[in-house]
Amino acid sequence: MNWEPISSPNHEIKDVKKTLQDSVVHLSWFWPKEIDFVYIYKTSADSVKPISEIDECELKLYTREEYKVNQGYVGRLDTIGRTAYRILPCQKREGKLIVFMQENEKNLIYITGSRAKIYFSIAYKNKLFQSRKKVKMAIMTEFPIEKELLVYVKKSDGVPISLEDGTVYPFIRDFPAGKTVPPEIEIDKNEFIRIFFNNGKKSAQHYELIPD
């Protein structure tokens, strides 16, 4: 990487704007006429590095022609929480790409994505003439999630309405993206189950738990 201090305010990327629909991000910005390319640095808002510590593998080269065709930059939010984008101006000089170290906030934008959806279903199968029944749970998630995020609560004579409204049980395996069906369990005929976030409101900031 050929880094240089930015030599003029006329080389700065600024006026970064965003639109967000579902998980698709559209970015636009003021592109100075003397700038040939930009590098786009994308990371979690909690993990933004100083420019001097950014590796080339963390950057995406983007041309003025691509910008014109797409009327900006189009990307996808693929993480939970806030995402940061920094647009770094570049010049081609004597066959080399020079990257300007624009470290102000004009080329930086934060985006909060919509909450990731987690769908769950619970099906009961009664056993004839027996006091027990089988329970089949299924969890569908857009992103991989750790097993500690969710728990299920069991209660007698009614469906649990909160973590405190019954006995809490953990899941034993993480959930990959897509549909997961844990092994069936057996409970008493008068017992019922519901799935909840293990840490309540904190998880609800980033995820939405939806009965299917």
N, C-alpha and C. Protein backbone atom coordinates (compact mmCIF):
# COMPACT_ATOMS: atom_id res chain seq x y z
N MET A 1 0.85 -1.19 0.00
CA MET A 1 0.00 0.00 0.00
C MET A 1 0.89 1.24 0.00
N ASN A 2 0.61 2.16 -0.91
CA ASN A 2 1.36 3.41 -1.00
C ASN A 2 0.55 4.53 -0.35
N TRP A 3 0.74 4.70 0.95
CA TRP A 3 -0.01 5.70 1.70
C TRP A 3 0.70 7.05 1.62
N GLU A 4 -0.11 8.13 1.55
CA GLU A 4 0.42 9.48 1.61
C GLU A 4 -0.54 10.34 2.42
N PRO A 5 0.00 11.33 3.16
CA PRO A 5 -0.91 12.29 3.78
C PRO A 5 -1.71 13.00 2.70
N ILE A 6 -2.93 13.34 3.01
CA ILE A 6 -3.75 14.04 2.01
C ILE A 6 -3.20 15.45 1.82
N SER A 7 -2.96 15.82 0.57
CA SER A 7 -2.22 17.05 0.29
C SER A 7 -3.09 18.29 0.14
N SER A 8 -4.40 18.08 -0.07
CA SER A 8 -5.28 19.22 -0.29
C SER A 8 -6.70 18.85 0.10
N PRO A 9 -7.45 19.81 0.66
CA PRO A 9 -8.87 19.55 0.94
C PRO A 9 -9.66 19.23 -0.33
N ASN A 10 -9.14 19.63 -1.49
CA ASN A 10 -9.80 19.35 -2.76
C ASN A 10 -9.76 17.87 -3.13
N HIS A 11 -8.95 17.08 -2.41
CA HIS A 11 -8.87 15.64 -2.67
C HIS A 11 -9.76 14.83 -1.72
N GLU A 12 -10.45 15.53 -0.83
CA GLU A 12 -11.21 14.81 0.21
C GLU A 12 -12.52 14.24 -0.33
N ILE A 13 -12.82 13.04 0.14
CA ILE A 13 -14.16 12.48 -0.01
C ILE A 13 -15.03 13.09 1.09
N LYS A 14 -16.24 13.54 0.72
CA LYS A 14 -17.11 14.16 1.72
C LYS A 14 -18.57 13.99 1.31
N ASP A 15 -19.45 14.46 2.17
CA ASP A 15 -20.90 14.40 1.92
C ASP A 15 -21.36 12.97 1.66
N VAL A 16 -20.89 12.04 2.49
CA VAL A 16 -21.31 10.64 2.34
C VAL A 16 -22.75 10.49 2.81
N LYS A 17 -23.57 9.91 1.95
CA LYS A 17 -24.99 9.71 2.27
C LYS A 17 -25.35 8.23 2.08
N LYS A 18 -26.42 7.83 2.74
CA LYS A 18 -26.79 6.41 2.69
C LYS A 18 -28.29 6.26 2.51
N THR A 19 -28.68 5.14 1.90
CA THR A 19 -30.04 4.65 1.98
C THR A 19 -29.94 3.16 2.30
N LEU A 20 -30.94 2.66 3.00
CA LEU A 20 -30.93 1.26 3.43
C LEU A 20 -32.31 0.67 3.20
N GLN A 21 -32.34 -0.44 2.46
CA GLN A 21 -33.58 -1.17 2.25
C GLN A 21 -33.33 -2.64 2.50
N ASP A 22 -34.07 -3.20 3.46
CA ASP A 22 -33.78 -4.54 3.95
C ASP A 22 -32.32 -4.55 4.42
N SER A 23 -31.46 -5.37 3.82
CA SER A 23 -30.05 -5.38 4.21
C SER A 23 -29.15 -4.78 3.12
N VAL A 24 -29.74 -4.14 2.10
CA VAL A 24 -28.97 -3.58 0.99
C VAL A 24 -28.69 -2.11 1.25
N VAL A 25 -27.41 -1.74 1.19
CA VAL A 25 -26.96 -0.37 1.46
C VAL A 25 -26.59 0.29 0.14
N HIS A 26 -27.02 1.53 -0.03
CA HIS A 26 -26.60 2.34 -1.17
C HIS A 26 -25.89 3.57 -0.62
N LEU A 27 -24.61 3.74 -0.97
CA LEU A 27 -23.82 4.89 -0.52
C LEU A 27 -23.54 5.82 -1.69
N SER A 28 -23.56 7.11 -1.42
CA SER A 28 -23.12 8.10 -2.41
C SER A 28 -22.27 9.14 -1.70
N TRP A 29 -21.42 9.82 -2.46
CA TRP A 29 -20.54 10.82 -1.86
C TRP A 29 -20.04 11.78 -2.94
N PHE A 30 -19.44 12.89 -2.50
CA PHE A 30 -18.80 13.82 -3.41
C PHE A 30 -17.44 13.23 -3.82
N TRP A 31 -17.27 13.07 -5.13
CA TRP A 31 -16.06 12.46 -5.68
C TRP A 31 -15.24 13.55 -6.37
N PRO A 32 -14.12 13.97 -5.79
CA PRO A 32 -13.32 15.05 -6.40
C PRO A 32 -12.82 14.65 -7.79
N LYS A 33 -12.71 15.64 -8.68
CA LYS A 33 -12.34 15.34 -10.06
C LYS A 33 -10.90 14.83 -10.19
N GLU A 34 -10.04 15.15 -9.23
CA GLU A 34 -8.65 14.71 -9.29
C GLU A 34 -8.44 13.31 -8.70
N ILE A 35 -9.51 12.71 -8.19
CA ILE A 35 -9.42 11.38 -7.58
C ILE A 35 -9.85 10.33 -8.61
N ASP A 36 -8.99 9.33 -8.83
CA ASP A 36 -9.25 8.32 -9.86
C ASP A 36 -10.01 7.11 -9.34
N PHE A 37 -9.68 6.70 -8.11
CA PHE A 37 -10.27 5.52 -7.50
C PHE A 37 -10.57 5.83 -6.04
N VAL A 38 -11.30 4.95 -5.39
CA VAL A 38 -11.40 4.99 -3.93
C VAL A 38 -11.21 3.57 -3.41
N TYR A 39 -10.77 3.48 -2.17
CA TYR A 39 -10.82 2.23 -1.43
C TYR A 39 -11.95 2.34 -0.42
N ILE A 40 -12.74 1.28 -0.30
CA ILE A 40 -13.85 1.25 0.66
C ILE A 40 -13.47 0.29 1.80
N TYR A 41 -13.47 0.84 2.99
CA TYR A 41 -13.16 0.06 4.20
C TYR A 41 -14.47 -0.14 4.96
N LYS A 42 -14.82 -1.38 5.18
CA LYS A 42 -16.07 -1.73 5.87
C LYS A 42 -15.74 -2.59 7.07
N THR A 43 -16.33 -2.27 8.22
CA THR A 43 -16.07 -3.05 9.42
C THR A 43 -17.18 -2.79 10.44
N SER A 44 -17.19 -3.58 11.50
CA SER A 44 -18.10 -3.32 12.60
C SER A 44 -17.77 -1.97 13.23
N ALA A 45 -18.81 -1.26 13.66
CA ALA A 45 -18.59 0.05 14.26
C ALA A 45 -17.72 -0.03 15.52
N ASP A 46 -17.71 -1.17 16.16
CA ASP A 46 -16.90 -1.35 17.38
C ASP A 46 -15.45 -1.71 17.06
N SER A 47 -15.14 -1.92 15.78
CA SER A 47 -13.80 -2.42 15.42
C SER A 47 -13.09 -1.54 14.39
N VAL A 48 -13.46 -0.26 14.32
CA VAL A 48 -12.85 0.63 13.34
C VAL A 48 -11.37 0.84 13.68
N LYS A 49 -10.50 0.56 12.72
CA LYS A 49 -9.06 0.70 12.94
C LYS A 49 -8.57 2.09 12.52
N PRO A 50 -7.51 2.57 13.16
CA PRO A 50 -6.83 3.74 12.59
C PRO A 50 -6.34 3.40 11.18
N ILE A 51 -6.28 4.39 10.32
CA ILE A 51 -5.92 4.13 8.93
C ILE A 51 -4.58 3.42 8.81
N SER A 52 -3.65 3.76 9.67
CA SER A 52 -2.31 3.17 9.59
C SER A 52 -2.30 1.67 9.87
N GLU A 53 -3.38 1.16 10.47
CA GLU A 53 -3.42 -0.26 10.82
C GLU A 53 -4.29 -1.09 9.88
N ILE A 54 -4.88 -0.45 8.86
CA ILE A 54 -5.75 -1.17 7.93
C ILE A 54 -4.91 -1.97 6.95
N ASP A 55 -5.25 -3.26 6.77
CA ASP A 55 -4.58 -4.11 5.79
C ASP A 55 -5.27 -3.99 4.43
N GLU A 56 -4.49 -4.21 3.39
CA GLU A 56 -5.04 -4.10 2.04
C GLU A 56 -6.19 -5.09 1.81
N CYS A 57 -6.11 -6.27 2.46
CA CYS A 57 -7.16 -7.27 2.29
C CYS A 57 -8.51 -6.82 2.87
N GLU A 58 -8.49 -5.75 3.69
CA GLU A 58 -9.74 -5.24 4.28
C GLU A 58 -10.37 -4.14 3.43
N LEU A 59 -9.75 -3.83 2.29
CA LEU A 59 -10.20 -2.74 1.45
C LEU A 59 -10.73 -3.25 0.12
N LYS A 60 -11.73 -2.56 -0.39
CA LYS A 60 -12.30 -2.89 -1.71
C LYS A 60 -12.04 -1.71 -2.64
N LEU A 61 -11.34 -1.96 -3.76
CA LEU A 61 -11.08 -0.92 -4.75
C LEU A 61 -12.34 -0.66 -5.56
N TYR A 62 -12.65 0.62 -5.74
CA TYR A 62 -13.88 0.99 -6.46
C TYR A 62 -13.55 2.12 -7.42
N THR A 63 -13.98 1.97 -8.67
CA THR A 63 -13.62 2.94 -9.71
C THR A 63 -14.71 3.99 -9.91
N ARG A 64 -14.31 5.07 -10.53
CA ARG A 64 -15.28 6.12 -10.86
C ARG A 64 -16.35 5.59 -11.84
N GLU A 65 -15.92 4.71 -12.76
CA GLU A 65 -16.86 4.14 -13.72
C GLU A 65 -17.92 3.29 -13.02
N GLU A 66 -17.48 2.46 -12.04
CA GLU A 66 -18.44 1.66 -11.27
C GLU A 66 -19.41 2.56 -10.52
N TYR A 67 -18.87 3.65 -9.98
CA TYR A 67 -19.71 4.60 -9.23
C TYR A 67 -20.78 5.19 -10.14
N LYS A 68 -20.39 5.55 -11.37
CA LYS A 68 -21.35 6.14 -12.30
C LYS A 68 -22.42 5.13 -12.70
N VAL A 69 -22.01 3.89 -12.99
CA VAL A 69 -22.96 2.86 -13.42
C VAL A 69 -23.98 2.57 -12.32
N ASN A 70 -23.49 2.48 -11.08
CA ASN A 70 -24.36 2.12 -9.95
C ASN A 70 -24.96 3.33 -9.25
N GLN A 71 -24.60 4.53 -9.74
CA GLN A 71 -25.04 5.77 -9.09
C GLN A 71 -24.67 5.76 -7.61
N GLY A 72 -23.49 5.29 -7.34
CA GLY A 72 -22.99 5.18 -5.98
C GLY A 72 -22.36 3.82 -5.77
N TYR A 73 -22.39 3.37 -4.55
CA TYR A 73 -21.87 2.04 -4.20
C TYR A 73 -23.00 1.25 -3.55
N VAL A 74 -23.17 0.01 -4.00
CA VAL A 74 -24.22 -0.85 -3.46
C VAL A 74 -23.56 -2.04 -2.75
N GLY A 75 -23.93 -2.27 -1.52
CA GLY A 75 -23.39 -3.40 -0.75
C GLY A 75 -24.46 -3.99 0.14
N ARG A 76 -24.06 -4.96 0.90
CA ARG A 76 -25.01 -5.66 1.77
C ARG A 76 -24.48 -5.70 3.20
N LEU A 77 -25.37 -5.43 4.14
CA LEU A 77 -25.02 -5.58 5.55
C LEU A 77 -25.10 -7.06 5.90
N ASP A 78 -23.97 -7.63 6.31
CA ASP A 78 -23.93 -9.06 6.61
C ASP A 78 -23.51 -9.33 8.04
N THR A 79 -23.61 -8.30 8.87
CA THR A 79 -23.32 -8.47 10.29
C THR A 79 -24.42 -7.82 11.12
N ILE A 80 -24.47 -8.14 12.39
CA ILE A 80 -25.46 -7.58 13.30
C ILE A 80 -24.89 -6.32 13.95
N GLY A 81 -25.76 -5.35 14.23
CA GLY A 81 -25.32 -4.13 14.88
C GLY A 81 -24.93 -3.06 13.88
N ARG A 82 -24.15 -2.09 14.34
CA ARG A 82 -23.76 -0.96 13.49
C ARG A 82 -22.53 -1.31 12.65
N THR A 83 -22.55 -0.84 11.41
CA THR A 83 -21.44 -1.05 10.48
C THR A 83 -20.87 0.30 10.08
N ALA A 84 -19.54 0.35 9.98
CA ALA A 84 -18.86 1.58 9.56
C ALA A 84 -18.31 1.42 8.15
N TYR A 85 -18.44 2.47 7.35
CA TYR A 85 -17.83 2.54 6.03
C TYR A 85 -16.94 3.79 5.99
N ARG A 86 -15.69 3.61 5.54
CA ARG A 86 -14.80 4.75 5.31
C ARG A 86 -14.34 4.72 3.85
N ILE A 87 -14.47 5.84 3.17
CA ILE A 87 -14.11 5.95 1.76
C ILE A 87 -12.77 6.67 1.66
N LEU A 88 -11.76 5.98 1.13
CA LEU A 88 -10.41 6.54 1.06
C LEU A 88 -10.08 6.94 -0.38
N PRO A 89 -9.71 8.21 -0.64
CA PRO A 89 -9.40 8.67 -1.99
C PRO A 89 -8.04 8.16 -2.47
N CYS A 90 -7.97 7.86 -3.78
CA CYS A 90 -6.73 7.33 -4.37
C CYS A 90 -6.43 8.07 -5.68
N GLN A 91 -5.15 8.18 -6.00
CA GLN A 91 -4.69 8.70 -7.29
C GLN A 91 -3.75 7.70 -7.93
N LYS A 92 -3.82 7.63 -9.26
CA LYS A 92 -2.84 6.81 -9.98
C LYS A 92 -1.73 7.74 -10.46
N ARG A 93 -0.51 7.40 -10.06
CA ARG A 93 0.63 8.27 -10.35
C ARG A 93 1.81 7.41 -10.79
N GLU A 94 2.25 7.61 -12.03
CA GLU A 94 3.38 6.86 -12.59
C GLU A 94 3.17 5.36 -12.43
N GLY A 95 1.94 4.92 -12.72
CA GLY A 95 1.63 3.49 -12.67
C GLY A 95 1.39 2.94 -11.27
N LYS A 96 1.50 3.79 -10.26
CA LYS A 96 1.28 3.34 -8.88
C LYS A 96 0.01 3.97 -8.33
N LEU A 97 -0.66 3.22 -7.47
CA LEU A 97 -1.87 3.71 -6.82
C LEU A 97 -1.50 4.31 -5.47
N ILE A 98 -1.74 5.60 -5.33
CA ILE A 98 -1.46 6.31 -4.09
C ILE A 98 -2.76 6.44 -3.29
N VAL A 99 -2.72 6.05 -2.03
CA VAL A 99 -3.89 6.12 -1.16
C VAL A 99 -3.67 7.26 -0.15
N PHE A 100 -4.61 8.20 -0.15
CA PHE A 100 -4.50 9.33 0.75
C PHE A 100 -5.07 8.98 2.13
N MET A 101 -4.34 9.40 3.16
CA MET A 101 -4.74 9.09 4.53
C MET A 101 -5.70 10.16 5.05
N GLN A 102 -6.92 10.13 4.53
CA GLN A 102 -7.94 11.06 4.99
C GLN A 102 -8.54 10.53 6.28
N GLU A 103 -8.18 11.18 7.39
CA GLU A 103 -8.53 10.65 8.70
C GLU A 103 -9.61 11.45 9.42
N ASN A 104 -10.22 12.41 8.73
CA ASN A 104 -11.30 13.13 9.38
C ASN A 104 -12.60 12.32 9.26
N GLU A 105 -13.69 12.90 9.71
CA GLU A 105 -14.96 12.19 9.73
C GLU A 105 -15.77 12.37 8.45
N LYS A 106 -15.29 13.20 7.53
CA LYS A 106 -16.07 13.52 6.33
C LYS A 106 -16.27 12.30 5.43
N ASN A 107 -15.33 11.36 5.49
CA ASN A 107 -15.39 10.17 4.62
C ASN A 107 -15.84 8.91 5.38
N LEU A 108 -16.44 9.12 6.56
CA LEU A 108 -16.83 8.01 7.42
C LEU A 108 -18.32 8.08 7.69
N ILE A 109 -18.99 6.92 7.62
CA ILE A 109 -20.42 6.89 7.92
C ILE A 109 -20.74 5.60 8.67
N TYR A 110 -21.69 5.69 9.60
CA TYR A 110 -22.14 4.54 10.37
C TYR A 110 -23.57 4.20 9.96
N ILE A 111 -23.84 2.91 9.86
CA ILE A 111 -25.16 2.46 9.45
C ILE A 111 -25.65 1.41 10.44
N THR A 112 -26.86 1.61 10.93
CA THR A 112 -27.49 0.63 11.80
C THR A 112 -28.48 -0.17 10.97
N GLY A 113 -28.24 -1.44 10.85
CA GLY A 113 -29.10 -2.29 10.04
C GLY A 113 -30.38 -2.65 10.78
N SER A 114 -31.32 -3.18 10.05
CA SER A 114 -32.54 -3.68 10.68
C SER A 114 -32.19 -4.91 11.52
N ARG A 115 -33.03 -5.19 12.49
CA ARG A 115 -32.76 -6.33 13.37
C ARG A 115 -32.85 -7.64 12.57
N ALA A 116 -31.93 -8.54 12.86
CA ALA A 116 -31.96 -9.86 12.21
C ALA A 116 -33.13 -10.67 12.76
N LYS A 117 -33.82 -11.33 11.87
CA LYS A 117 -35.02 -12.08 12.27
C LYS A 117 -34.66 -13.53 12.61
N ILE A 118 -35.19 -14.00 13.74
CA ILE A 118 -35.07 -15.40 14.15
C ILE A 118 -36.49 -15.94 14.27
N TYR A 119 -36.81 -16.92 13.45
CA TYR A 119 -38.13 -17.55 13.51
C TYR A 119 -38.04 -18.86 14.29
N PHE A 120 -39.08 -19.16 15.06
CA PHE A 120 -39.08 -20.45 15.75
C PHE A 120 -40.48 -21.06 15.68
N SER A 121 -40.50 -22.37 15.73
CA SER A 121 -41.78 -23.09 15.80
C SER A 121 -41.65 -24.20 16.84
N ILE A 122 -42.77 -24.50 17.47
CA ILE A 122 -42.83 -25.56 18.48
C ILE A 122 -44.04 -26.43 18.17
N ALA A 123 -43.83 -27.71 17.97
CA ALA A 123 -44.91 -28.65 17.65
C ALA A 123 -44.95 -29.75 18.71
N TYR A 124 -46.16 -30.09 19.16
CA TYR A 124 -46.35 -31.12 20.17
C TYR A 124 -46.95 -32.37 19.52
N LYS A 125 -46.50 -33.52 19.99
CA LYS A 125 -47.04 -34.80 19.51
C LYS A 125 -47.43 -35.64 20.73
N ASN A 126 -48.73 -35.75 20.93
CA ASN A 126 -49.21 -36.50 22.09
C ASN A 126 -49.06 -38.01 21.86
N LYS A 127 -48.74 -38.71 22.94
CA LYS A 127 -48.61 -40.17 22.89
C LYS A 127 -49.88 -40.78 23.49
N LEU A 128 -50.54 -41.59 22.73
CA LEU A 128 -51.84 -42.14 23.12
C LEU A 128 -51.75 -42.90 24.44
N PHE A 129 -52.66 -42.59 25.33
CA PHE A 129 -52.77 -43.25 26.64
C PHE A 129 -51.50 -43.11 27.48
N GLN A 130 -50.73 -42.06 27.24
CA GLN A 130 -49.53 -41.85 28.05
C GLN A 130 -49.55 -40.43 28.62
N SER A 131 -48.82 -40.27 29.71
CA SER A 131 -48.80 -38.97 30.40
C SER A 131 -47.71 -38.04 29.86
N ARG A 132 -47.01 -38.49 28.83
CA ARG A 132 -45.91 -37.69 28.25
C ARG A 132 -46.23 -37.33 26.80
N LYS A 133 -45.59 -36.29 26.30
CA LYS A 133 -45.72 -35.92 24.89
C LYS A 133 -44.36 -35.46 24.36
N LYS A 134 -44.21 -35.57 23.06
CA LYS A 134 -42.96 -35.15 22.42
C LYS A 134 -43.06 -33.71 21.94
N VAL A 135 -41.92 -33.04 21.97
CA VAL A 135 -41.85 -31.65 21.51
C VAL A 135 -40.77 -31.54 20.43
N LYS A 136 -41.17 -30.95 19.30
CA LYS A 136 -40.22 -30.70 18.21
C LYS A 136 -40.09 -29.19 18.02
N MET A 137 -38.87 -28.69 18.23
CA MET A 137 -38.60 -27.26 18.05
C MET A 137 -37.82 -27.07 16.75
N ALA A 138 -38.01 -25.91 16.11
CA ALA A 138 -37.23 -25.55 14.92
C ALA A 138 -36.89 -24.07 15.00
N ILE A 139 -35.65 -23.74 14.67
CA ILE A 139 -35.19 -22.35 14.70
C ILE A 139 -34.64 -22.00 13.32
N MET A 140 -35.12 -20.90 12.75
CA MET A 140 -34.65 -20.43 11.45
C MET A 140 -34.02 -19.05 11.65
N THR A 141 -32.75 -18.90 11.25
CA THR A 141 -32.05 -17.64 11.47
C THR A 141 -31.32 -17.20 10.21
N GLU A 142 -31.25 -15.87 10.01
CA GLU A 142 -30.57 -15.31 8.85
C GLU A 142 -29.06 -15.39 8.98
N PHE A 143 -28.55 -15.28 10.21
CA PHE A 143 -27.12 -15.28 10.47
C PHE A 143 -26.80 -16.38 11.49
N PRO A 144 -25.57 -16.89 11.48
CA PRO A 144 -25.18 -17.83 12.54
C PRO A 144 -25.29 -17.15 13.90
N ILE A 145 -25.81 -17.86 14.89
CA ILE A 145 -25.91 -17.31 16.24
C ILE A 145 -25.39 -18.33 17.25
N GLU A 146 -24.89 -17.82 18.36
CA GLU A 146 -24.36 -18.70 19.40
C GLU A 146 -25.51 -19.27 20.23
N LYS A 147 -25.28 -20.47 20.74
CA LYS A 147 -26.33 -21.18 21.49
C LYS A 147 -26.77 -20.40 22.73
N GLU A 148 -25.86 -19.58 23.28
CA GLU A 148 -26.18 -18.85 24.50
C GLU A 148 -27.21 -17.74 24.27
N LEU A 149 -27.47 -17.39 23.01
CA LEU A 149 -28.42 -16.31 22.73
C LEU A 149 -29.85 -16.70 23.12
N LEU A 150 -30.19 -17.99 22.93
CA LEU A 150 -31.56 -18.44 23.14
C LEU A 150 -31.64 -19.48 24.25
N VAL A 151 -32.79 -19.54 24.88
CA VAL A 151 -33.11 -20.60 25.84
C VAL A 151 -34.58 -20.98 25.60
N TYR A 152 -34.97 -22.13 26.14
CA TYR A 152 -36.41 -22.42 26.14
C TYR A 152 -36.87 -22.59 27.59
N VAL A 153 -38.12 -22.20 27.79
CA VAL A 153 -38.71 -22.20 29.13
C VAL A 153 -39.88 -23.18 29.14
N LYS A 154 -39.94 -24.01 30.16
CA LYS A 154 -41.01 -25.01 30.31
C LYS A 154 -41.88 -24.64 31.50
N LYS A 155 -43.21 -24.77 31.28
CA LYS A 155 -44.16 -24.40 32.34
C LYS A 155 -45.33 -25.37 32.33
N SER A 156 -45.87 -25.64 33.49
CA SER A 156 -47.06 -26.49 33.62
C SER A 156 -48.34 -25.67 33.47
N ASP A 157 -49.34 -26.27 32.80
CA ASP A 157 -50.69 -25.72 32.70
C ASP A 157 -50.78 -24.39 31.94
N GLY A 158 -49.84 -24.11 31.06
CA GLY A 158 -49.92 -22.89 30.25
C GLY A 158 -48.59 -22.59 29.57
N VAL A 159 -48.68 -21.76 28.53
CA VAL A 159 -47.47 -21.38 27.79
C VAL A 159 -46.72 -20.29 28.57
N PRO A 160 -45.41 -20.42 28.75
CA PRO A 160 -44.65 -19.38 29.47
C PRO A 160 -44.75 -18.03 28.76
N ILE A 161 -44.78 -16.95 29.54
CA ILE A 161 -44.85 -15.62 28.96
C ILE A 161 -43.55 -14.82 29.17
N SER A 162 -42.60 -15.38 29.91
CA SER A 162 -41.33 -14.70 30.15
C SER A 162 -40.30 -15.71 30.64
N LEU A 163 -39.06 -15.26 30.76
CA LEU A 163 -38.00 -16.12 31.29
C LEU A 163 -38.31 -16.59 32.71
N GLU A 164 -38.96 -15.73 33.46
CA GLU A 164 -39.21 -16.03 34.87
C GLU A 164 -40.46 -16.89 35.07
N ASP A 165 -41.17 -17.17 33.97
CA ASP A 165 -42.46 -17.84 34.08
C ASP A 165 -42.33 -19.35 33.83
N GLY A 166 -41.33 -19.98 34.46
CA GLY A 166 -41.12 -21.41 34.29
C GLY A 166 -39.67 -21.79 34.52
N THR A 167 -39.33 -22.98 34.09
CA THR A 167 -37.96 -23.49 34.25
C THR A 167 -37.18 -23.26 32.96
N VAL A 168 -35.99 -22.67 33.08
CA VAL A 168 -35.18 -22.29 31.92
C VAL A 168 -34.20 -23.41 31.56
N TYR A 169 -34.10 -23.70 30.25
CA TYR A 169 -33.18 -24.73 29.77
C TYR A 169 -32.32 -24.15 28.63
N PRO A 170 -31.03 -24.48 28.60
CA PRO A 170 -30.16 -23.98 27.53
C PRO A 170 -30.21 -24.88 26.30
N PHE A 171 -29.79 -24.34 25.17
CA PHE A 171 -29.54 -25.16 23.99
C PHE A 171 -28.08 -25.61 24.03
N ILE A 172 -27.79 -26.74 23.40
CA ILE A 172 -26.45 -27.33 23.54
C ILE A 172 -25.56 -27.11 22.32
N ARG A 173 -26.12 -26.59 21.22
CA ARG A 173 -25.29 -26.35 20.02
C ARG A 173 -25.61 -24.98 19.43
N ASP A 174 -24.59 -24.37 18.80
CA ASP A 174 -24.80 -23.12 18.10
C ASP A 174 -25.75 -23.33 16.92
N PHE A 175 -26.29 -22.23 16.43
CA PHE A 175 -27.24 -22.29 15.31
C PHE A 175 -26.59 -21.71 14.06
N PRO A 176 -26.37 -22.51 13.03
CA PRO A 176 -25.86 -21.95 11.76
C PRO A 176 -26.98 -21.17 11.06
N ALA A 177 -26.62 -20.40 10.04
CA ALA A 177 -27.65 -19.73 9.24
C ALA A 177 -28.54 -20.79 8.59
N GLY A 178 -29.82 -20.50 8.52
CA GLY A 178 -30.76 -21.48 7.97
C GLY A 178 -31.60 -22.10 9.06
N LYS A 179 -32.12 -23.28 8.80
CA LYS A 179 -33.04 -23.94 9.72
C LYS A 179 -32.30 -24.99 10.55
N THR A 180 -32.55 -24.96 11.86
CA THR A 180 -31.99 -25.95 12.78
C THR A 180 -33.14 -26.63 13.52
N VAL A 181 -33.10 -27.94 13.57
CA VAL A 181 -34.10 -28.71 14.31
C VAL A 181 -33.39 -29.49 15.41
N PRO A 182 -33.40 -29.03 16.65
CA PRO A 182 -32.77 -29.77 17.74
C PRO A 182 -33.47 -31.12 17.95
N PRO A 183 -32.80 -32.04 18.64
CA PRO A 183 -33.44 -33.33 18.93
C PRO A 183 -34.74 -33.14 19.70
N GLU A 184 -35.73 -33.99 19.43
CA GLU A 184 -37.00 -33.92 20.14
C GLU A 184 -36.79 -34.19 21.63
N ILE A 185 -37.65 -33.57 22.44
CA ILE A 185 -37.61 -33.82 23.88
C ILE A 185 -38.99 -34.31 24.32
N GLU A 186 -39.05 -34.91 25.50
CA GLU A 186 -40.33 -35.35 26.07
C GLU A 186 -40.64 -34.54 27.31
N ILE A 187 -41.91 -34.13 27.43
CA ILE A 187 -42.36 -33.40 28.61
C ILE A 187 -43.70 -33.98 29.04
N ASP A 188 -44.16 -33.59 30.22
CA ASP A 188 -45.48 -34.03 30.68
C ASP A 188 -46.58 -33.43 29.80
N LYS A 189 -47.72 -34.12 29.75
CA LYS A 189 -48.83 -33.68 28.88
C LYS A 189 -49.33 -32.29 29.22
N ASN A 190 -49.24 -31.90 30.49
CA ASN A 190 -49.77 -30.59 30.89
C ASN A 190 -48.70 -29.49 30.85
N GLU A 191 -47.53 -29.78 30.28
CA GLU A 191 -46.45 -28.80 30.20
C GLU A 191 -46.37 -28.19 28.80
N PHE A 192 -45.86 -26.95 28.76
CA PHE A 192 -45.72 -26.23 27.49
C PHE A 192 -44.37 -25.50 27.47
N ILE A 193 -43.93 -25.16 26.24
CA ILE A 193 -42.59 -24.60 26.04
C ILE A 193 -42.68 -23.34 25.19
N ARG A 194 -41.78 -22.41 25.45
CA ARG A 194 -41.61 -21.26 24.57
C ARG A 194 -40.13 -20.87 24.57
N ILE A 195 -39.69 -20.29 23.46
CA ILE A 195 -38.29 -19.88 23.29
C ILE A 195 -38.16 -18.38 23.55
N PHE A 196 -37.09 -18.01 24.27
CA PHE A 196 -36.84 -16.60 24.62
C PHE A 196 -35.37 -16.26 24.41
N PHE A 197 -35.07 -14.95 24.35
CA PHE A 197 -33.69 -14.50 24.44
C PHE A 197 -33.19 -14.73 25.86
N ASN A 198 -31.95 -15.17 25.96
CA ASN A 198 -31.37 -15.42 27.28
C ASN A 198 -31.12 -14.13 28.05
N ASN A 199 -30.78 -13.04 27.31
CA ASN A 199 -30.50 -11.78 28.00
C ASN A 199 -31.47 -10.67 27.61
N GLY A 200 -32.65 -11.06 27.20
CA GLY A 200 -33.77 -10.14 27.06
C GLY A 200 -33.53 -8.93 26.17
N LYS A 201 -33.67 -7.73 26.76
CA LYS A 201 -33.65 -6.50 25.99
C LYS A 201 -32.34 -6.27 25.24
N LYS A 202 -31.24 -6.73 25.79
CA LYS A 202 -29.95 -6.53 25.12
C LYS A 202 -29.94 -7.20 23.75
N SER A 203 -30.40 -8.45 23.67
CA SER A 203 -30.46 -9.16 22.39
C SER A 203 -31.53 -8.56 21.48
N ALA A 204 -32.61 -8.07 22.07
CA ALA A 204 -33.71 -7.52 21.28
C ALA A 204 -33.32 -6.26 20.52
N GLN A 205 -32.18 -5.64 20.87
CA GLN A 205 -31.69 -4.50 20.11
C GLN A 205 -31.22 -4.92 18.72
N HIS A 206 -30.76 -6.17 18.60
CA HIS A 206 -30.15 -6.62 17.35
C HIS A 206 -30.94 -7.72 16.65
N TYR A 207 -31.81 -8.40 17.39
CA TYR A 207 -32.54 -9.55 16.83
C TYR A 207 -34.03 -9.40 17.09
N GLU A 208 -34.81 -10.00 16.23
CA GLU A 208 -36.25 -10.06 16.41
C GLU A 208 -36.67 -11.54 16.45
N LEU A 209 -37.29 -11.95 17.54
CA LEU A 209 -37.68 -13.35 17.73
C LEU A 209 -39.16 -13.51 17.38
N ILE A 210 -39.43 -14.32 16.37
CA ILE A 210 -40.78 -14.35 15.79
C ILE A 210 -41.33 -15.78 15.79
N PRO A 211 -42.47 -16.02 16.40
CA PRO A 211 -43.10 -17.34 16.30
C PRO A 211 -43.52 -17.60 14.84
N ASP A 212 -43.24 -18.79 14.36
CA ASP A 212 -43.54 -19.13 12.98
C ASP A 212 -44.89 -19.85 12.88
